[in-house]
Protein backbone atom coordinates (compact mmCIF):
# COMPACT_ATOMS: atom_id res chain seq x y z
CA MET A 1 36.52 -12.41 7.60
CA ALA A 2 36.28 -16.00 8.73
CA ILE A 3 34.15 -17.12 11.62
CA ASP A 4 36.08 -18.95 14.20
CA GLN A 5 35.22 -20.93 17.41
CA VAL A 6 38.51 -20.37 19.54
CA ARG A 7 38.78 -19.02 23.05
CA SER A 8 38.84 -14.88 22.98
CA LYS A 9 42.31 -13.40 23.07
CA ARG A 10 41.16 -11.26 25.92
CA LYS A 11 40.31 -12.13 29.45
CA ALA A 12 37.12 -11.16 31.33
CA THR A 13 38.95 -8.14 32.91
CA GLY A 14 40.16 -6.94 29.59
CA GLY A 15 43.81 -8.18 29.75
CA ARG A 16 45.21 -10.35 27.12
CA TYR A 17 46.30 -13.97 27.18
CA LYS A 18 50.05 -14.19 26.33
CA PHE A 19 49.93 -17.10 24.13
CA LYS A 20 49.91 -16.97 20.47
CA VAL A 21 46.75 -18.41 18.53
CA ILE A 22 46.75 -18.78 14.78
CA LYS A 23 43.43 -19.76 12.83
CA ARG A 24 43.16 -23.22 11.80
CA LYS A 25 40.88 -24.82 9.75
CA ASN A 26 39.40 -27.22 12.60
CA ASN A 27 38.38 -23.77 14.23
CA LEU A 28 36.30 -22.66 11.52
CA GLY A 29 32.65 -22.04 12.32
CA ASN A 30 29.59 -21.52 9.80
CA VAL A 31 27.32 -18.55 9.27
CA PRO A 32 23.88 -18.83 10.78
CA THR A 33 21.13 -20.55 8.62
CA LEU A 34 18.18 -18.21 9.54
CA THR A 35 15.33 -20.51 8.10
CA LYS A 36 12.67 -18.39 6.35
CA LEU A 37 9.10 -18.92 5.90
CA GLY A 38 8.47 -20.36 2.45
CA ASP A 39 8.28 -23.48 0.35
CA LYS A 40 10.68 -25.99 1.69
CA LYS A 41 14.05 -25.78 0.83
CA LYS A 42 17.13 -27.83 2.11
CA LYS A 43 20.88 -27.72 1.71
CA THR A 44 23.13 -30.83 2.54
CA ILE A 45 26.54 -29.61 4.05
CA LYS A 46 29.68 -31.77 4.54
CA ILE A 47 30.94 -31.68 8.37
CA ILE A 48 33.75 -33.29 10.35
CA GLY A 49 34.18 -37.19 9.90
CA GLY A 50 32.79 -37.23 6.36
CA ASN A 51 29.30 -36.99 7.74
CA LYS A 52 26.53 -34.71 6.32
CA LYS A 53 24.02 -32.32 7.99
CA GLU A 54 20.97 -30.82 6.37
CA ARG A 55 20.34 -27.23 6.65
CA LEU A 56 16.69 -26.08 6.50
CA LEU A 57 16.67 -22.80 4.41
CA GLU A 58 12.80 -22.52 3.98
CA GLU A 59 10.09 -24.20 5.21
CA ASN A 60 5.99 -23.83 5.64
CA THR A 61 4.87 -26.80 7.72
CA ALA A 62 5.83 -27.51 11.23
CA ASN A 63 5.30 -30.88 13.59
CA LEU A 64 3.05 -29.81 16.19
CA LEU A 65 2.65 -31.63 19.41
CA ASP A 66 -0.88 -31.49 21.25
CA LYS A 67 -0.08 -31.74 24.63
CA LYS A 68 -4.00 -32.83 25.62
CA THR A 69 -3.83 -35.71 23.42
CA ASN A 70 -0.01 -36.27 23.33
CA LYS A 71 0.01 -36.69 19.36
CA PHE A 72 1.84 -35.13 16.58
CA ILE A 73 0.00 -32.91 13.83
CA LYS A 74 1.29 -31.77 10.67
CA ALA A 75 0.54 -28.12 10.36
CA LYS A 76 0.85 -25.25 7.73
CA ILE A 77 3.02 -22.16 9.19
CA ILE A 78 0.70 -18.89 8.35
CA GLN A 79 3.23 -16.26 9.93
CA VAL A 80 5.62 -15.52 12.52
CA ILE A 81 4.03 -13.65 15.58
CA ARG A 82 6.93 -13.02 18.13
CA ASN A 83 10.82 -14.03 18.09
CA PRO A 84 12.69 -13.64 21.49
CA ALA A 85 16.26 -14.23 19.59
CA ASN A 86 15.56 -10.51 17.46
CA ARG A 87 12.67 -8.45 16.79
CA HIS A 88 13.74 -7.73 13.33
CA TYR A 89 13.44 -11.52 12.60
CA ILE A 90 9.48 -11.29 12.81
CA ARG A 91 9.37 -8.87 9.58
CA ARG A 92 11.68 -11.32 7.65
CA ASN A 93 9.72 -14.27 8.92
CA ILE A 94 12.65 -16.33 10.17
CA LEU A 95 12.28 -19.20 12.30
CA THR A 96 14.52 -20.09 15.10
CA LYS A 97 14.26 -21.87 18.47
CA GLY A 98 11.63 -20.00 20.86
CA THR A 99 9.76 -18.33 18.03
CA ILE A 100 6.05 -18.19 18.55
CA ILE A 101 4.03 -19.18 15.10
CA LYS A 102 0.74 -18.76 13.86
CA THR A 103 -0.54 -22.19 12.28
CA ASP A 104 -3.84 -23.41 11.11
CA LYS A 105 -4.20 -25.40 14.37
CA GLY A 106 -3.40 -22.60 16.45
CA GLU A 107 -0.50 -20.49 17.99
CA ALA A 108 2.52 -22.52 18.66
CA LYS A 109 6.28 -22.29 20.05
CA ILE A 110 9.02 -23.71 18.06
CA THR A 111 11.26 -26.18 20.24
CA ASN A 112 14.05 -27.25 18.11
CA ARG A 113 16.81 -25.60 16.01
CA PRO A 114 15.50 -25.62 12.31
CA GLY A 115 18.58 -24.44 10.65
CA GLN A 116 20.53 -27.25 12.04
CA GLU A 117 17.95 -30.27 12.15
CA GLY A 118 16.39 -29.84 9.01
CA VAL A 119 12.92 -29.92 10.44
CA VAL A 120 10.45 -27.71 12.34
CA ASN A 121 9.09 -29.05 15.66
CA ALA A 122 6.74 -26.95 17.83
CA VAL A 123 4.35 -27.38 20.95
CA LEU A 124 0.68 -26.12 20.92
CA ILE A 125 0.17 -22.95 23.29
């Protein structure tokens, strides 16, 4: 079944809207990328307007911001410690925004959306 990004057919009260909505190609959505921990792997997809977007499928390094020195450091990701998006993502080593990761420089929190931006940015805790 296709993923669409149109308004729900039901109101907040449970009632139905009376208009007819058909699925169109411009309303299609995409399956979430679910970036995993592993050797770097990217995929380029076409988006509206002939542009391209990089999907990050797997990554093992992160750009860490050290707030004390205000500098970025490239660090190796060792494991996923906590993920507020889904508790089952910890076992599967899935990287999303807000995930707490263990790196060789210490614990860090991911501040961007790696599946959509093609890179992992994090802040040292």
